[in-house]
Amino acid sequence: MNNESYFNQLQFISEHVTKLSSYLQVLHVYAENEMTFNDKIGNIYEILDLAVKEIDIITQQV
């Protein structure tokens, strides 16, 4: 693998890791908020679905 290809792959992975980190941070804050006021957590499944999709994308590149 040449340097440019390696750099592009690292950049691609980095972008998706950043997205995944963002989704997980949102999930963390959202869960803490919702659990304070409600017994049920609303859109947690949507956020988890996005996080899992990011993990799949990252896994394909490694």
PDB file of N, CA and C in Angstrom:
ATOM      1  N   MET A   1       0.851  -1.168   0.000  1.00  0.00           N
ATOM      2  CA  MET A   1       0.000   0.000   0.000  1.00  0.00           C
ATOM      3  C   MET A   1       0.903   1.238   0.000  1.00  0.00           C
ATOM      4  N   ASN A   2       0.662   2.153  -0.908  1.00  0.00           N
ATOM      5  CA  ASN A   2       1.491   3.354  -0.962  1.00  0.00           C
ATOM      6  C   ASN A   2       1.042   4.374   0.085  1.00  0.00           C
ATOM      7  N   ASN A   3       1.862   5.387   0.283  1.00  0.00           N
ATOM      8  CA  ASN A   3       1.587   6.373   1.334  1.00  0.00           C
ATOM      9  C   ASN A   3       0.278   7.123   1.123  1.00  0.00           C
ATOM     10  N   GLU A   4      -0.012   7.478  -0.123  1.00  0.00           N
ATOM     11  CA  GLU A   4      -1.241   8.226  -0.398  1.00  0.00           C
ATOM     12  C   GLU A   4      -2.470   7.378  -0.088  1.00  0.00           C
ATOM     13  N   SER A   5      -2.447   6.137  -0.500  1.00  0.00           N
ATOM     14  CA  SER A   5      -3.560   5.233  -0.238  1.00  0.00           C
ATOM     15  C   SER A   5      -3.731   5.019   1.268  1.00  0.00           C
ATOM     16  N   TYR A   6      -2.621   4.853   1.953  1.00  0.00           N
ATOM     17  CA  TYR A   6      -2.645   4.668   3.405  1.00  0.00           C
ATOM     18  C   TYR A   6      -3.230   5.910   4.090  1.00  0.00           C
ATOM     19  N   PHE A   7      -2.789   7.087   3.663  1.00  0.00           N
ATOM     20  CA  PHE A   7      -3.296   8.343   4.223  1.00  0.00           C
ATOM     21  C   PHE A   7      -4.798   8.481   3.968  1.00  0.00           C
ATOM     22  N   ASN A   8      -5.238   8.170   2.763  1.00  0.00           N
ATOM     23  CA  ASN A   8      -6.664   8.270   2.432  1.00  0.00           C
ATOM     24  C   ASN A   8      -7.499   7.330   3.292  1.00  0.00           C
ATOM     25  N   GLN A   9      -6.979   6.128   3.510  1.00  0.00           N
ATOM     26  CA  GLN A   9      -7.704   5.167   4.337  1.00  0.00           C
ATOM     27  C   GLN A   9      -7.771   5.654   5.788  1.00  0.00           C
ATOM     28  N   LEU A  10      -6.669   6.185   6.297  1.00  0.00           N
ATOM     29  CA  LEU A  10      -6.674   6.723   7.659  1.00  0.00           C
ATOM     30  C   LEU A  10      -7.630   7.903   7.791  1.00  0.00           C
ATOM     31  N   GLN A  11      -7.655   8.756   6.776  1.00  0.00           N
ATOM     32  CA  GLN A  11      -8.557   9.908   6.800  1.00  0.00           C
ATOM     33  C   GLN A  11     -10.012   9.444   6.798  1.00  0.00           C
ATOM     34  N   PHE A  12     -10.323   8.457   5.983  1.00  0.00           N
ATOM     35  CA  PHE A  12     -11.676   7.908   5.905  1.00  0.00           C
ATOM     36  C   PHE A  12     -12.089   7.327   7.259  1.00  0.00           C
ATOM     37  N   ILE A  13     -11.214   6.531   7.847  1.00  0.00           N
ATOM     38  CA  ILE A  13     -11.498   5.929   9.148  1.00  0.00           C
ATOM     39  C   ILE A  13     -11.672   7.012  10.204  1.00  0.00           C
ATOM     40  N   SER A  14     -10.811   8.000  10.179  1.00  0.00           N
ATOM     41  CA  SER A  14     -10.883   9.095  11.152  1.00  0.00           C
ATOM     42  C   SER A  14     -12.215   9.824  11.084  1.00  0.00           C
ATOM     43  N   GLU A  15     -12.716  10.076   9.882  1.00  0.00           N
ATOM     44  CA  GLU A  15     -13.997  10.758   9.715  1.00  0.00           C
ATOM     45  C   GLU A  15     -15.129   9.962  10.359  1.00  0.00           C
ATOM     46  N   HIS A  16     -15.117   8.653  10.149  1.00  0.00           N
ATOM     47  CA  HIS A  16     -16.193   7.826  10.688  1.00  0.00           C
ATOM     48  C   HIS A  16     -16.040   7.593  12.189  1.00  0.00           C
ATOM     49  N   VAL A  17     -14.821   7.553  12.675  1.00  0.00           N
ATOM     50  CA  VAL A  17     -14.607   7.456  14.116  1.00  0.00           C
ATOM     51  C   VAL A  17     -15.131   8.715  14.792  1.00  0.00           C
ATOM     52  N   THR A  18     -14.912   9.867  14.165  1.00  0.00           N
ATOM     53  CA  THR A  18     -15.418  11.126  14.712  1.00  0.00           C
ATOM     54  C   THR A  18     -16.941  11.113  14.756  1.00  0.00           C
ATOM     55  N   LYS A  19     -17.573  10.636  13.677  1.00  0.00           N
ATOM     56  CA  LYS A  19     -19.040  10.540  13.667  1.00  0.00           C
ATOM     57  C   LYS A  19     -19.517   9.608  14.766  1.00  0.00           C
ATOM     58  N   LEU A  20     -18.875   8.452  14.873  1.00  0.00           N
ATOM     59  CA  LEU A  20     -19.264   7.478  15.886  1.00  0.00           C
ATOM     60  C   LEU A  20     -19.128   8.077  17.279  1.00  0.00           C
ATOM     61  N   SER A  21     -18.038   8.758  17.523  1.00  0.00           N
ATOM     62  CA  SER A  21     -17.830   9.403  18.820  1.00  0.00           C
ATOM     63  C   SER A  21     -18.930  10.423  19.092  1.00  0.00           C
ATOM     64  N   SER A  22     -19.309  11.181  18.082  1.00  0.00           N
ATOM     65  CA  SER A  22     -20.377  12.177  18.238  1.00  0.00           C
ATOM     66  C   SER A  22     -21.708  11.515  18.572  1.00  0.00           C
ATOM     67  N   TYR A  23     -22.041  10.450  17.846  1.00  0.00           N
ATOM     68  CA  TYR A  23     -23.294   9.738  18.120  1.00  0.00           C
ATOM     69  C   TYR A  23     -23.308   9.200  19.547  1.00  0.00           C
ATOM     70  N   LEU A  24     -22.188   8.654  19.984  1.00  0.00           N
ATOM     71  CA  LEU A  24     -22.138   8.089  21.324  1.00  0.00           C
ATOM     72  C   LEU A  24     -22.212   9.174  22.398  1.00  0.00           C
ATOM     73  N   GLN A  25     -21.625  10.333  22.127  1.00  0.00           N
ATOM     74  CA  GLN A  25     -21.735  11.449  23.071  1.00  0.00           C
ATOM     75  C   GLN A  25     -23.185  11.919  23.167  1.00  0.00           C
ATOM     76  N   VAL A  26     -23.860  12.024  22.024  1.00  0.00           N
ATOM     77  CA  VAL A  26     -25.271  12.420  22.013  1.00  0.00           C
ATOM     78  C   VAL A  26     -26.090  11.394  22.786  1.00  0.00           C
ATOM     79  N   LEU A  27     -25.821  10.135  22.536  1.00  0.00           N
ATOM     80  CA  LEU A  27     -26.530   9.063  23.230  1.00  0.00           C
ATOM     81  C   LEU A  27     -26.326   9.165  24.743  1.00  0.00           C
ATOM     82  N   HIS A  28     -25.122   9.419  25.145  1.00  0.00           N
ATOM     83  CA  HIS A  28     -24.812   9.538  26.564  1.00  0.00           C
ATOM     84  C   HIS A  28     -25.590  10.687  27.209  1.00  0.00           C
ATOM     85  N   VAL A  29     -25.532  11.862  26.610  1.00  0.00           N
ATOM     86  CA  VAL A  29     -26.223  13.031  27.148  1.00  0.00           C
ATOM     87  C   VAL A  29     -27.736  12.824  27.109  1.00  0.00           C
ATOM     88  N   TYR A  30     -28.220  12.304  25.987  1.00  0.00           N
ATOM     89  CA  TYR A  30     -29.656  12.081  25.825  1.00  0.00           C
ATOM     90  C   TYR A  30     -30.177  11.096  26.871  1.00  0.00           C
ATOM     91  N   ALA A  31     -29.459  10.002  27.061  1.00  0.00           N
ATOM     92  CA  ALA A  31     -29.888   8.989  28.025  1.00  0.00           C
ATOM     93  C   ALA A  31     -29.896   9.563  29.436  1.00  0.00           C
ATOM     94  N   GLU A  32     -28.868  10.326  29.786  1.00  0.00           N
ATOM     95  CA  GLU A  32     -28.836  10.931  31.115  1.00  0.00           C
ATOM     96  C   GLU A  32     -30.013  11.879  31.315  1.00  0.00           C
ATOM     97  N   ASN A  33     -30.305  12.700  30.306  1.00  0.00           N
ATOM     98  CA  ASN A  33     -31.425  13.642  30.380  1.00  0.00           C
ATOM     99  C   ASN A  33     -32.756  12.926  30.505  1.00  0.00           C
ATOM    100  N   GLU A  34     -32.992  12.000  29.613  1.00  0.00           N
ATOM    101  CA  GLU A  34     -34.280  11.318  29.572  1.00  0.00           C
ATOM    102  C   GLU A  34     -34.505  10.472  30.820  1.00  0.00           C
ATOM    103  N   MET A  35     -33.467   9.848  31.301  1.00  0.00           N
ATOM    104  CA  MET A  35     -33.627   8.996  32.469  1.00  0.00           C
ATOM    105  C   MET A  35     -33.920   9.828  33.713  1.00  0.00           C
ATOM    106  N   THR A  36     -33.541  11.095  33.693  1.00  0.00           N
ATOM    107  CA  THR A  36     -33.820  11.979  34.820  1.00  0.00           C
ATOM    108  C   THR A  36     -35.310  12.316  34.887  1.00  0.00           C
ATOM    109  N   PHE A  37     -35.934  12.484  33.730  1.00  0.00           N
ATOM    110  CA  PHE A  37     -37.315  12.955  33.688  1.00  0.00           C
ATOM    111  C   PHE A  37     -38.336  11.874  33.328  1.00  0.00           C
ATOM    112  N   ASN A  38     -37.910  10.812  32.665  1.00  0.00           N
ATOM    113  CA  ASN A  38     -38.852   9.797  32.169  1.00  0.00           C
ATOM    114  C   ASN A  38     -38.361   8.391  32.510  1.00  0.00           C
ATOM    115  N   ASP A  39     -39.310   7.473  32.538  1.00  0.00           N
ATOM    116  CA  ASP A  39     -38.952   6.066  32.683  1.00  0.00           C
ATOM    117  C   ASP A  39     -38.567   5.461  31.337  1.00  0.00           C
ATOM    118  N   LYS A  40     -39.059   6.071  30.238  1.00  0.00           N
ATOM    119  CA  LYS A  40     -38.788   5.556  28.892  1.00  0.00           C
ATOM    120  C   LYS A  40     -37.830   6.493  28.172  1.00  0.00           C
ATOM    121  N   ILE A  41     -36.987   5.909  27.341  1.00  0.00           N
ATOM    122  CA  ILE A  41     -36.079   6.706  26.510  1.00  0.00           C
ATOM    123  C   ILE A  41     -36.593   6.607  25.083  1.00  0.00           C
ATOM    124  N   GLY A  42     -36.845   7.763  24.443  1.00  0.00           N
ATOM    125  CA  GLY A  42     -37.475   7.812  23.135  1.00  0.00           C
ATOM    126  C   GLY A  42     -36.665   7.303  21.967  1.00  0.00           C
ATOM    127  N   ASN A  43     -35.866   8.155  21.343  1.00  0.00           N
ATOM    128  CA  ASN A  43     -35.198   7.835  20.087  1.00  0.00           C
ATOM    129  C   ASN A  43     -33.827   7.197  20.268  1.00  0.00           C
ATOM    130  N   ILE A  44     -33.611   6.524  21.366  1.00  0.00           N
ATOM    131  CA  ILE A  44     -32.317   5.917  21.632  1.00  0.00           C
ATOM    132  C   ILE A  44     -31.973   4.881  20.555  1.00  0.00           C
ATOM    133  N   TYR A  45     -32.975   4.206  20.029  1.00  0.00           N
ATOM    134  CA  TYR A  45     -32.716   3.179  19.020  1.00  0.00           C
ATOM    135  C   TYR A  45     -32.207   3.775  17.720  1.00  0.00           C
ATOM    136  N   GLU A  46     -32.692   4.943  17.366  1.00  0.00           N
ATOM    137  CA  GLU A  46     -32.205   5.611  16.155  1.00  0.00           C
ATOM    138  C   GLU A  46     -30.731   5.981  16.295  1.00  0.00           C
ATOM    139  N   ILE A  47     -30.371   6.498  17.447  1.00  0.00           N
ATOM    140  CA  ILE A  47     -28.984   6.880  17.678  1.00  0.00           C
ATOM    141  C   ILE A  47     -28.094   5.636  17.696  1.00  0.00           C
ATOM    142  N   LEU A  48     -28.552   4.574  18.340  1.00  0.00           N
ATOM    143  CA  LEU A  48     -27.785   3.322  18.353  1.00  0.00           C
ATOM    144  C   LEU A  48     -27.619   2.757  16.944  1.00  0.00           C
ATOM    145  N   ASP A  49     -28.671   2.861  16.137  1.00  0.00           N
ATOM    146  CA  ASP A  49     -28.596   2.380  14.759  1.00  0.00           C
ATOM    147  C   ASP A  49     -27.527   3.141  13.979  1.00  0.00           C
ATOM    148  N   LEU A  50     -27.473   4.452  14.138  1.00  0.00           N
ATOM    149  CA  LEU A  50     -26.443   5.252  13.466  1.00  0.00           C
ATOM    150  C   LEU A  50     -25.045   4.866  13.954  1.00  0.00           C
ATOM    151  N   ALA A  51     -24.895   4.637  15.244  1.00  0.00           N
ATOM    152  CA  ALA A  51     -23.596   4.246  15.792  1.00  0.00           C
ATOM    153  C   ALA A  51     -23.154   2.895  15.238  1.00  0.00           C
ATOM    154  N   VAL A  52     -24.068   1.947  15.163  1.00  0.00           N
ATOM    155  CA  VAL A  52     -23.739   0.622  14.627  1.00  0.00           C
ATOM    156  C   VAL A  52     -23.362   0.716  13.152  1.00  0.00           C
ATOM    157  N   LYS A  53     -24.048   1.543  12.386  1.00  0.00           N
ATOM    158  CA  LYS A  53     -23.700   1.723  10.969  1.00  0.00           C
ATOM    159  C   LYS A  53     -22.297   2.304  10.824  1.00  0.00           C
ATOM    160  N   GLU A  54     -21.922   3.244  11.695  1.00  0.00           N
ATOM    161  CA  GLU A  54     -20.571   3.801  11.647  1.00  0.00           C
ATOM    162  C   GLU A  54     -19.534   2.732  11.974  1.00  0.00           C
ATOM    163  N   ILE A  55     -19.837   1.887  12.949  1.00  0.00           N
ATOM    164  CA  ILE A  55     -18.920   0.790  13.292  1.00  0.00           C
ATOM    165  C   ILE A  55     -18.746  -0.131  12.090  1.00  0.00           C
ATOM    166  N   ASP A  56     -19.826  -0.448  11.387  1.00  0.00           N
ATOM    167  CA  ASP A  56     -19.741  -1.296  10.192  1.00  0.00           C
ATOM    168  C   ASP A  56     -18.861  -0.665   9.127  1.00  0.00           C
ATOM    169  N   ILE A  57     -19.011   0.643   8.904  1.00  0.00           N
ATOM    170  CA  ILE A  57     -18.213   1.343   7.890  1.00  0.00           C
ATOM    171  C   ILE A  57     -16.734   1.300   8.262  1.00  0.00           C
ATOM    172  N   ILE A  58     -16.447   1.553   9.541  1.00  0.00           N
ATOM    173  CA  ILE A  58     -15.054   1.529  10.002  1.00  0.00           C
ATOM    174  C   ILE A  58     -14.468   0.127   9.842  1.00  0.00           C
ATOM    175  N   THR A  59     -15.230  -0.881  10.238  1.00  0.00           N
ATOM    176  CA  THR A  59     -14.765  -2.267  10.162  1.00  0.00           C
ATOM    177  C   THR A  59     -14.422  -2.670   8.735  1.00  0.00           C
ATOM    178  N   GLN A  60     -15.180  -2.203   7.764  1.00  0.00           N
ATOM    179  CA  GLN A  60     -14.913  -2.529   6.370  1.00  0.00           C
ATOM    180  C   GLN A  60     -13.583  -1.949   5.894  1.00  0.00           C
ATOM    181  N   GLN A  61     -13.144  -0.856   6.504  1.00  0.00           N
ATOM    182  CA  GLN A  61     -11.915  -0.192   6.073  1.00  0.00           C
ATOM    183  C   GLN A  61     -10.669  -0.720   6.774  1.00  0.00           C
ATOM    184  N   VAL A  62     -10.849  -1.445   7.853  1.00  0.00           N
ATOM    185  CA  VAL A  62      -9.685  -1.927   8.614  1.00  0.00           C
ATOM    186  C   VAL A  62      -9.195  -3.244   8.046  1.00  0.00           C
TER     187      VAL A  62
END
